[in-house]
Amino acid sequence: MLDDEAAELRELLDTNGIDYYETPAGNWGISMPAIWLRDESQLQAARTLLDAYQGERAKRAREEYERLRRSGRHRTLADTVRENPIRVLVYLAAAALVIYVSTVPFVALVD
């Protein structure tokens, strides 16, 4: 979840009187941060609010993307490669390593 999305969700829940608490991503940031309801009886109201919020957020994101695309300012894969070529190469190498390590035992069985 993005920071702005989490802030919007907190504001939505606060505005509508939904009691919640949060759990962090942990010391190393590898756990899943989450927003939890304190009162399960508020689940349906929260679900309705969140469904409406997600629909509106998706609509805003699509509109923003279309606006950027029409103006020629949307980010493409080529932009990412041009801006961070080393990072892209590292990610590709990591993906290739994972594929290699995952398939070698099966290829060895065929020999």
C-alpha atoms as a PDB file:
ATOM      1  CA  MET A   1       0.000   0.000   0.000  1.00  0.00           C
ATOM      2  CA  LEU A   2       1.324   3.401  -0.915  1.00  0.00           C
ATOM      3  CA  ASP A   3       1.756   6.041   1.767  1.00  0.00           C
ATOM      4  CA  ASP A   4      -0.810   8.348   0.176  1.00  0.00           C
ATOM      5  CA  GLU A   5      -3.294   5.484  -0.075  1.00  0.00           C
ATOM      6  CA  ALA A   6      -2.786   4.579   3.591  1.00  0.00           C
ATOM      7  CA  ALA A   7      -3.286   8.220   4.581  1.00  0.00           C
ATOM      8  CA  GLU A   8      -6.494   8.401   2.537  1.00  0.00           C
ATOM      9  CA  LEU A   9      -7.756   5.174   4.134  1.00  0.00           C
ATOM     10  CA  ARG A  10      -7.016   6.467   7.631  1.00  0.00           C
ATOM     11  CA  GLU A  11      -8.884   9.684   6.860  1.00  0.00           C
ATOM     12  CA  LEU A  12     -11.827   7.736   5.399  1.00  0.00           C
ATOM     13  CA  LEU A  13     -12.082   5.466   8.449  1.00  0.00           C
ATOM     14  CA  ASP A  14     -11.671   8.368  10.895  1.00  0.00           C
ATOM     15  CA  THR A  15     -14.289  10.472   9.102  1.00  0.00           C
ATOM     16  CA  ASN A  16     -16.788   7.618   9.254  1.00  0.00           C
ATOM     17  CA  GLY A  17     -16.123   6.647  12.863  1.00  0.00           C
ATOM     18  CA  ILE A  18     -14.580   3.255  12.100  1.00  0.00           C
ATOM     19  CA  ASP A  19     -12.277   2.193  14.954  1.00  0.00           C
ATOM     20  CA  TYR A  20      -9.017   0.667  13.659  1.00  0.00           C
ATOM     21  CA  TYR A  21      -5.377   0.087  14.489  1.00  0.00           C
ATOM     22  CA  GLU A  22      -2.286  -0.462  12.367  1.00  0.00           C
ATOM     23  CA  THR A  23       0.530  -2.967  12.327  1.00  0.00           C
ATOM     24  CA  PRO A  24       3.888  -1.835  10.888  1.00  0.00           C
ATOM     25  CA  ALA A  25       6.112  -3.486   8.299  1.00  0.00           C
ATOM     26  CA  GLY A  26       8.520  -4.570  11.024  1.00  0.00           C
ATOM     27  CA  ASN A  27      12.120  -3.594  11.697  1.00  0.00           C
ATOM     28  CA  TRP A  28      13.399  -4.660   8.287  1.00  0.00           C
ATOM     29  CA  GLY A  29      10.308  -3.660   6.320  1.00  0.00           C
ATOM     30  CA  ILE A  30       9.656  -7.181   5.060  1.00  0.00           C
ATOM     31  CA  SER A  31       6.373  -7.838   6.840  1.00  0.00           C
ATOM     32  CA  MET A  32       3.053  -6.635   5.496  1.00  0.00           C
ATOM     33  CA  PRO A  33       1.837  -3.450   7.174  1.00  0.00           C
ATOM     34  CA  ALA A  34      -1.924  -3.532   7.682  1.00  0.00           C
ATOM     35  CA  ILE A  35      -4.937  -1.649   8.952  1.00  0.00           C
ATOM     36  CA  TRP A  36      -7.206  -3.748  11.199  1.00  0.00           C
ATOM     37  CA  LEU A  37     -10.657  -3.164  12.623  1.00  0.00           C
ATOM     38  CA  ARG A  38     -11.019  -3.201  16.394  1.00  0.00           C
ATOM     39  CA  ASP A  39     -14.751  -3.960  16.239  1.00  0.00           C
ATOM     40  CA  GLU A  40     -15.807  -6.758  13.900  1.00  0.00           C
ATOM     41  CA  SER A  41     -19.376  -5.415  13.864  1.00  0.00           C
ATOM     42  CA  GLN A  42     -18.048  -2.497  11.770  1.00  0.00           C
ATOM     43  CA  LEU A  43     -16.768  -4.852   9.073  1.00  0.00           C
ATOM     44  CA  GLN A  44     -19.656  -4.411   6.630  1.00  0.00           C
ATOM     45  CA  ALA A  45     -19.614  -0.619   6.930  1.00  0.00           C
ATOM     46  CA  ALA A  46     -15.838  -0.575   6.455  1.00  0.00           C
ATOM     47  CA  ARG A  47     -16.055  -2.951   3.482  1.00  0.00           C
ATOM     48  CA  THR A  48     -18.664  -0.738   1.802  1.00  0.00           C
ATOM     49  CA  LEU A  49     -16.517   2.367   2.360  1.00  0.00           C
ATOM     50  CA  LEU A  50     -13.354   0.639   1.127  1.00  0.00           C
ATOM     51  CA  ASP A  51     -15.049  -0.766  -1.985  1.00  0.00           C
ATOM     52  CA  ALA A  52     -16.298   2.705  -2.921  1.00  0.00           C
ATOM     53  CA  TYR A  53     -12.879   4.216  -2.157  1.00  0.00           C
ATOM     54  CA  GLN A  54     -11.022   1.647  -4.266  1.00  0.00           C
ATOM     55  CA  GLY A  55     -13.353   2.213  -7.196  1.00  0.00           C
ATOM     56  CA  GLU A  56     -12.834   5.974  -6.985  1.00  0.00           C
ATOM     57  CA  ARG A  57      -9.053   5.620  -6.605  1.00  0.00           C
ATOM     58  CA  ALA A  58      -8.858   3.311  -9.622  1.00  0.00           C
ATOM     59  CA  LYS A  59     -10.907   5.786 -11.651  1.00  0.00           C
ATOM     60  CA  ARG A  60      -8.597   8.664 -10.638  1.00  0.00           C
ATOM     61  CA  ALA A  61      -5.506   6.610 -11.513  1.00  0.00           C
ATOM     62  CA  ARG A  62      -6.889   5.715 -14.956  1.00  0.00           C
ATOM     63  CA  GLU A  63      -7.784   9.351 -15.627  1.00  0.00           C
ATOM     64  CA  GLU A  64      -4.313  10.498 -14.547  1.00  0.00           C
ATOM     65  CA  TYR A  65      -2.654   7.877 -16.752  1.00  0.00           C
ATOM     66  CA  GLU A  66      -4.784   8.862 -19.749  1.00  0.00           C
ATOM     67  CA  ARG A  67      -4.018  12.547 -19.164  1.00  0.00           C
ATOM     68  CA  LEU A  68      -0.285  11.810 -19.052  1.00  0.00           C
ATOM     69  CA  ARG A  69      -0.499   9.502 -22.074  1.00  0.00           C
ATOM     70  CA  ARG A  70      -2.305  12.113 -24.157  1.00  0.00           C
ATOM     71  CA  SER A  71       0.304  14.725 -23.252  1.00  0.00           C
ATOM     72  CA  GLY A  72       3.144  12.244 -23.947  1.00  0.00           C
ATOM     73  CA  ARG A  73       4.460  12.360 -20.381  1.00  0.00           C
ATOM     74  CA  HIS A  74       3.530   8.846 -19.173  1.00  0.00           C
ATOM     75  CA  ARG A  75       6.373   6.591 -18.071  1.00  0.00           C
ATOM     76  CA  THR A  76       7.292   3.716 -20.337  1.00  0.00           C
ATOM     77  CA  LEU A  77       9.610   0.752 -19.980  1.00  0.00           C
ATOM     78  CA  ALA A  78      12.130   2.589 -22.162  1.00  0.00           C
ATOM     79  CA  ASP A  79      12.053   5.519 -19.705  1.00  0.00           C
ATOM     80  CA  THR A  80      12.795   3.170 -16.816  1.00  0.00           C
ATOM     81  CA  VAL A  81      15.697   1.536 -18.670  1.00  0.00           C
ATOM     82  CA  ARG A  82      17.083   4.931 -19.688  1.00  0.00           C
ATOM     83  CA  GLU A  83      16.848   6.322 -16.122  1.00  0.00           C
ATOM     84  CA  ASN A  84      18.135   3.243 -14.244  1.00  0.00           C
ATOM     85  CA  PRO A  85      20.003   0.892 -16.601  1.00  0.00           C
ATOM     86  CA  ILE A  86      22.058  -0.721 -13.837  1.00  0.00           C
ATOM     87  CA  ARG A  87      18.978  -1.435 -11.710  1.00  0.00           C
ATOM     88  CA  VAL A  88      17.191  -2.978 -14.705  1.00  0.00           C
ATOM     89  CA  LEU A  89      20.209  -5.188 -15.427  1.00  0.00           C
ATOM     90  CA  VAL A  90      20.425  -6.288 -11.796  1.00  0.00           C
ATOM     91  CA  TYR A  91      16.700  -7.165 -11.766  1.00  0.00           C
ATOM     92  CA  LEU A  92      17.025  -9.085 -15.037  1.00  0.00           C
ATOM     93  CA  ALA A  93      20.070 -10.951 -13.725  1.00  0.00           C
ATOM     94  CA  ALA A  94      18.230 -11.806 -10.506  1.00  0.00           C
ATOM     95  CA  ALA A  95      15.225 -13.059 -12.464  1.00  0.00           C
ATOM     96  CA  ALA A  96      17.472 -15.143 -14.723  1.00  0.00           C
ATOM     97  CA  LEU A  97      19.210 -16.614 -11.666  1.00  0.00           C
ATOM     98  CA  VAL A  98      15.886 -17.556 -10.078  1.00  0.00           C
ATOM     99  CA  ILE A  99      14.710 -19.187 -13.314  1.00  0.00           C
ATOM    100  CA  TYR A 100      18.030 -21.033 -13.661  1.00  0.00           C
ATOM    101  CA  VAL A 101      18.043 -22.321 -10.082  1.00  0.00           C
ATOM    102  CA  SER A 102      14.381 -23.316 -10.369  1.00  0.00           C
ATOM    103  CA  THR A 103      14.773 -25.279 -13.598  1.00  0.00           C
ATOM    104  CA  VAL A 104      18.215 -26.902 -13.312  1.00  0.00           C
ATOM    105  CA  PRO A 105      17.038 -29.770 -11.056  1.00  0.00           C
ATOM    106  CA  PHE A 106      14.340 -30.701 -13.555  1.00  0.00           C
ATOM    107  CA  VAL A 107      16.646 -30.482 -16.560  1.00  0.00           C
ATOM    108  CA  ALA A 108      19.155 -32.676 -14.700  1.00  0.00           C
ATOM    109  CA  LEU A 109      16.441 -35.343 -14.270  1.00  0.00           C
ATOM    110  CA  VAL A 110      16.031 -35.618 -18.047  1.00  0.00           C
ATOM    111  CA  ASP A 111      19.735 -36.298 -18.647  1.00  0.00           C
END
